[in-house]
Protein backbone atom coordinates (compact mmCIF):
# COMPACT_ATOMS: atom_id res chain seq x y z
CA UNK A 1 96.62 107.29 63.10
CA UNK A 2 99.48 104.92 63.87
CA UNK A 3 100.35 106.87 67.03
CA UNK A 4 96.71 106.64 68.17
CA UNK A 5 96.67 102.88 67.64
CA UNK A 6 99.94 102.54 69.56
CA UNK A 7 98.54 104.60 72.44
CA UNK A 8 95.33 102.54 72.50
CA UNK A 9 97.33 99.31 72.64
CA UNK A 10 99.39 100.54 75.58
CA UNK A 11 96.32 101.81 77.45
CA UNK A 12 94.66 98.42 76.92
CA UNK A 13 97.80 96.73 78.23
CA UNK A 14 97.60 98.84 81.40
CA UNK A 15 93.93 98.02 81.71
CA UNK A 16 94.50 94.26 81.41
CA UNK A 17 97.34 94.31 83.92
CA UNK A 18 95.28 96.08 86.58
CA UNK A 19 92.49 93.54 86.12
CA UNK A 20 95.03 90.74 86.61
CA UNK A 21 96.19 92.47 89.78
CA UNK A 22 92.64 92.70 91.02
CA UNK A 23 92.00 88.99 90.50
CA UNK A 24 95.21 88.09 92.37
CA UNK A 25 94.39 90.44 95.24
CA UNK A 26 90.83 89.16 95.62
CA UNK A 27 92.13 85.59 95.75
CA UNK A 28 94.87 86.53 98.24
CA UNK A 29 92.37 88.01 100.71
CA UNK A 30 90.16 84.92 100.61
CA UNK A 31 93.07 82.50 100.89
CA UNK A 32 94.69 84.38 103.77
CA UNK A 33 91.52 84.28 105.86
CA UNK A 34 90.89 80.64 104.97
CA UNK A 35 94.44 79.85 106.12
CA UNK A 36 93.83 81.76 109.35
CA UNK A 37 90.60 79.93 110.12
CA UNK A 38 92.17 76.50 109.53
CA UNK A 39 95.70 77.24 110.77
CA UNK A 40 96.90 76.12 107.33
CA UNK A 41 100.45 77.42 107.27
CA UNK A 42 101.12 75.93 103.83
CA UNK A 43 98.21 77.87 102.34
CA UNK A 44 99.44 80.97 104.16
CA UNK A 45 102.84 80.49 102.51
CA UNK A 46 101.21 80.51 99.06
CA UNK A 47 99.68 83.89 99.88
CA UNK A 48 103.00 85.27 101.10
CA UNK A 49 104.90 83.94 98.08
CA UNK A 50 102.18 85.09 95.68
CA UNK A 51 102.54 88.70 96.77
CA UNK A 52 105.58 88.94 94.51
CA UNK A 53 103.39 88.57 91.41
CA UNK A 54 101.15 91.39 92.63
CA UNK A 55 104.16 93.63 93.27
CA UNK A 56 105.60 92.81 89.83
CA UNK A 57 102.36 93.81 88.10
CA UNK A 58 102.28 97.03 90.11
CA UNK A 59 105.80 97.95 89.00
CA UNK A 60 104.97 97.05 85.40
CA UNK A 61 101.92 99.32 85.46
CA UNK A 62 103.91 102.16 87.02
CA UNK A 63 106.67 101.83 84.42
CA UNK A 64 104.36 101.54 81.43
CA UNK A 65 102.05 104.30 82.63
CA UNK A 66 104.98 106.68 83.15
CA UNK A 67 106.32 105.79 79.70
CA UNK A 68 102.97 106.45 78.03
CA UNK A 69 102.49 109.80 79.76
CA UNK A 70 106.02 110.92 78.89
CA UNK A 71 106.25 109.74 75.29
CA UNK A 72 102.81 109.18 73.77
CA UNK A 73 101.21 112.58 74.40
CA UNK A 74 97.81 111.33 75.59
CA UNK A 75 94.85 113.72 75.44
CA UNK A 76 93.11 114.78 78.66
CA UNK A 77 90.62 111.90 78.85
CA UNK A 78 93.36 109.36 78.11
CA UNK A 79 95.59 110.95 80.71
CA UNK A 80 92.89 110.69 83.37
CA UNK A 81 92.42 107.03 82.52
CA UNK A 82 96.15 106.32 82.74
CA UNK A 83 96.51 108.14 86.05
CA UNK A 84 93.47 106.29 87.38
CA UNK A 85 94.90 102.92 86.39
CA UNK A 86 98.20 103.70 88.09
CA UNK A 87 96.47 104.85 91.29
CA UNK A 88 94.19 101.82 91.34
CA UNK A 89 97.27 99.61 90.97
CA UNK A 90 98.83 101.32 94.00
CA UNK A 91 95.76 100.62 96.13
CA UNK A 92 95.60 97.02 94.93
CA UNK A 93 99.25 96.58 95.85
CA UNK A 94 98.52 97.79 99.37
CA UNK A 95 95.58 95.40 99.67
CA UNK A 96 97.92 92.61 98.60
CA UNK A 97 100.28 93.66 101.38
CA UNK A 98 97.43 93.41 103.90
CA UNK A 99 96.63 89.88 102.69
CA UNK A 100 100.30 88.99 103.17
CA UNK A 101 100.25 90.41 106.70
CA UNK A 102 97.18 88.32 107.52
CA UNK A 103 98.91 85.22 106.16
CA UNK A 104 101.93 85.90 108.36
CA UNK A 105 99.65 85.79 111.41
CA UNK A 106 98.57 82.22 110.60
CA UNK A 107 99.40 79.75 113.35
CA UNK A 108 97.45 77.49 115.70
CA UNK A 109 95.40 79.65 118.06
CA UNK A 110 93.34 78.85 121.17
CA UNK A 111 89.99 77.54 119.95
CA UNK A 112 87.96 79.71 122.31
CA UNK A 113 89.60 82.82 120.89
CA UNK A 114 89.45 81.88 117.22
CA UNK A 115 85.84 80.71 117.55
CA UNK A 116 84.93 84.08 119.05
CA UNK A 117 86.48 86.04 116.20
CA UNK A 118 86.61 84.04 112.99
CA UNK A 119 82.97 84.54 111.94
CA UNK A 120 83.41 88.32 111.96
CA UNK A 121 86.84 88.16 110.37
CA UNK A 122 85.44 85.97 107.60
CA UNK A 123 82.50 88.33 107.10
CA UNK A 124 84.81 91.32 106.83
CA UNK A 125 87.03 89.51 104.33
CA UNK A 126 84.06 88.46 102.19
CA UNK A 127 82.78 92.05 102.15
CA UNK A 128 86.26 93.33 101.26
CA UNK A 129 86.87 90.81 98.48
CA UNK A 130 83.42 91.52 97.01
CA UNK A 131 84.15 95.25 97.09
CA UNK A 132 87.41 94.68 95.20
CA UNK A 133 85.60 92.60 92.58
CA UNK A 134 82.73 95.04 92.17
CA UNK A 135 85.00 98.10 92.07
CA UNK A 136 86.96 96.59 89.21
CA UNK A 137 83.70 95.88 87.40
CA UNK A 138 82.77 99.55 87.86
CA UNK A 139 86.24 100.48 86.55
CA UNK A 140 85.71 98.33 83.44
CA UNK A 141 82.25 99.83 82.88
CA UNK A 142 83.21 103.39 83.81
CA UNK A 143 80.19 103.30 86.12
CA UNK A 144 80.37 106.29 88.45
CA UNK A 145 77.08 105.50 90.21
CA UNK A 146 78.24 101.97 91.00
CA UNK A 147 81.55 103.31 92.31
CA UNK A 148 79.76 105.66 94.68
CA UNK A 149 77.51 102.84 95.93
CA UNK A 150 80.44 100.46 96.43
CA UNK A 151 82.30 103.01 98.54
CA UNK A 152 79.34 103.22 100.92
CA UNK A 153 79.69 99.50 101.64
CA UNK A 154 82.88 100.23 103.56
CA UNK A 155 80.59 101.14 106.47
CA UNK A 156 79.71 97.44 106.83
CA UNK A 157 83.36 96.51 107.26
CA UNK A 158 83.97 99.38 109.69
CA UNK A 159 81.00 98.32 111.81
CA UNK A 160 82.16 94.71 112.06
CA UNK A 161 85.70 95.86 112.81
CA UNK A 162 84.52 98.05 115.70
CA UNK A 163 82.39 95.27 117.14
CA UNK A 164 85.19 92.73 116.90
CA UNK A 165 87.69 95.14 118.45
CA UNK A 166 85.43 95.60 121.48
CA UNK A 167 84.97 91.83 121.75
CA UNK A 168 88.72 91.19 121.63
CA UNK A 169 89.38 93.82 124.29
CA UNK A 170 86.81 92.15 126.55
CA UNK A 171 88.48 88.77 126.00
CA UNK A 172 91.91 90.20 126.86
CA UNK A 173 90.55 91.76 130.04
CA UNK A 174 88.95 88.49 131.13
CA UNK A 175 91.73 86.16 129.95
CA UNK A 176 95.22 87.71 130.32
CA UNK A 177 96.76 84.51 128.94
CA UNK A 178 95.07 85.24 125.59
CA UNK A 179 96.40 88.79 125.20
CA UNK A 180 99.08 87.97 122.62
CA UNK A 181 96.94 85.95 120.17
CA UNK A 182 94.01 88.35 120.70
CA UNK A 183 96.26 91.25 119.70
CA UNK A 184 97.25 89.35 116.56
CA UNK A 185 93.60 88.95 115.63
CA UNK A 186 93.04 92.65 116.35
CA UNK A 187 95.77 93.45 113.83
CA UNK A 188 94.19 91.06 111.33
CA UNK A 189 90.87 92.86 111.77
CA UNK A 190 92.61 96.18 111.17
CA UNK A 191 94.28 94.89 108.00
CA UNK A 192 90.90 93.82 106.60
CA UNK A 193 89.33 97.13 107.64
CA UNK A 194 92.00 98.87 105.57
CA UNK A 195 90.93 96.87 102.51
CA UNK A 196 87.63 98.76 102.52
CA UNK A 197 89.49 102.06 102.74
CA UNK A 198 91.63 101.20 99.71
CA UNK A 199 88.60 100.13 97.69
CA UNK A 200 87.00 103.47 98.56
CA UNK A 201 90.10 105.15 97.13
CA UNK A 202 89.71 103.07 93.97
CA UNK A 203 86.10 104.21 93.66
CA UNK A 204 87.19 107.84 94.00
CA UNK A 205 89.62 107.36 91.11
CA UNK A 206 86.89 105.80 88.98
CA UNK A 207 84.83 108.95 89.48
CA UNK A 208 87.86 111.08 88.57
CA UNK A 209 88.47 109.11 85.36
CA UNK A 210 84.93 109.78 84.15
CA UNK A 211 84.33 113.31 85.44
CA UNK A 212 87.73 114.89 86.05
CA UNK A 213 86.61 115.69 89.59
CA UNK A 214 88.40 114.69 92.78
CA UNK A 215 85.74 113.56 95.25
CA UNK A 216 85.82 112.12 98.75
CA UNK A 217 83.47 109.17 99.00
CA UNK A 218 82.09 107.93 102.29
CA UNK A 219 84.22 110.41 104.21
């Protein structure tokens, strides 16, 4: 009985840490894009500096999860939950990295270029942050149907990313002097597009935790 209580406490600790990671990552995405749209380099610096807290939580989850698997002898359903939490933490850490990369691109940009791109970049970021939030809600609830539906929403981000990429290429062809900043925005678009891919991975792990099946969602 005591060993079961100890295992439950450690699993709950993992669970709380991954939720903290998710909140930090969601905030980082929104702040990075806000900094980009306003050329707020101070706000961008808070995103870059804040990535350390996300990384620290990731390492803590990895260490505690490995410890629990090795020493606490979890049963199959517990083991799936622990593995899922560790994998979700890995995807959240990568999303945090993408937010940091976006923040590093923050600098004053030609208005005609930023005006042409920022609405779509903001839309992608809002979709991505909402997917992170909703995926973690599905994780808390163990809601497989919600996880499957959330993964499908990655198509919205992909569609905006493709449209923006074409628009940026057209701008570069017409205005060679804007090639360098346009390329930076193309990379920003790609970083946000990857957020949707990582959330899809998270949704696949939610399905695994509940069913024991490895599935490919929205492939």
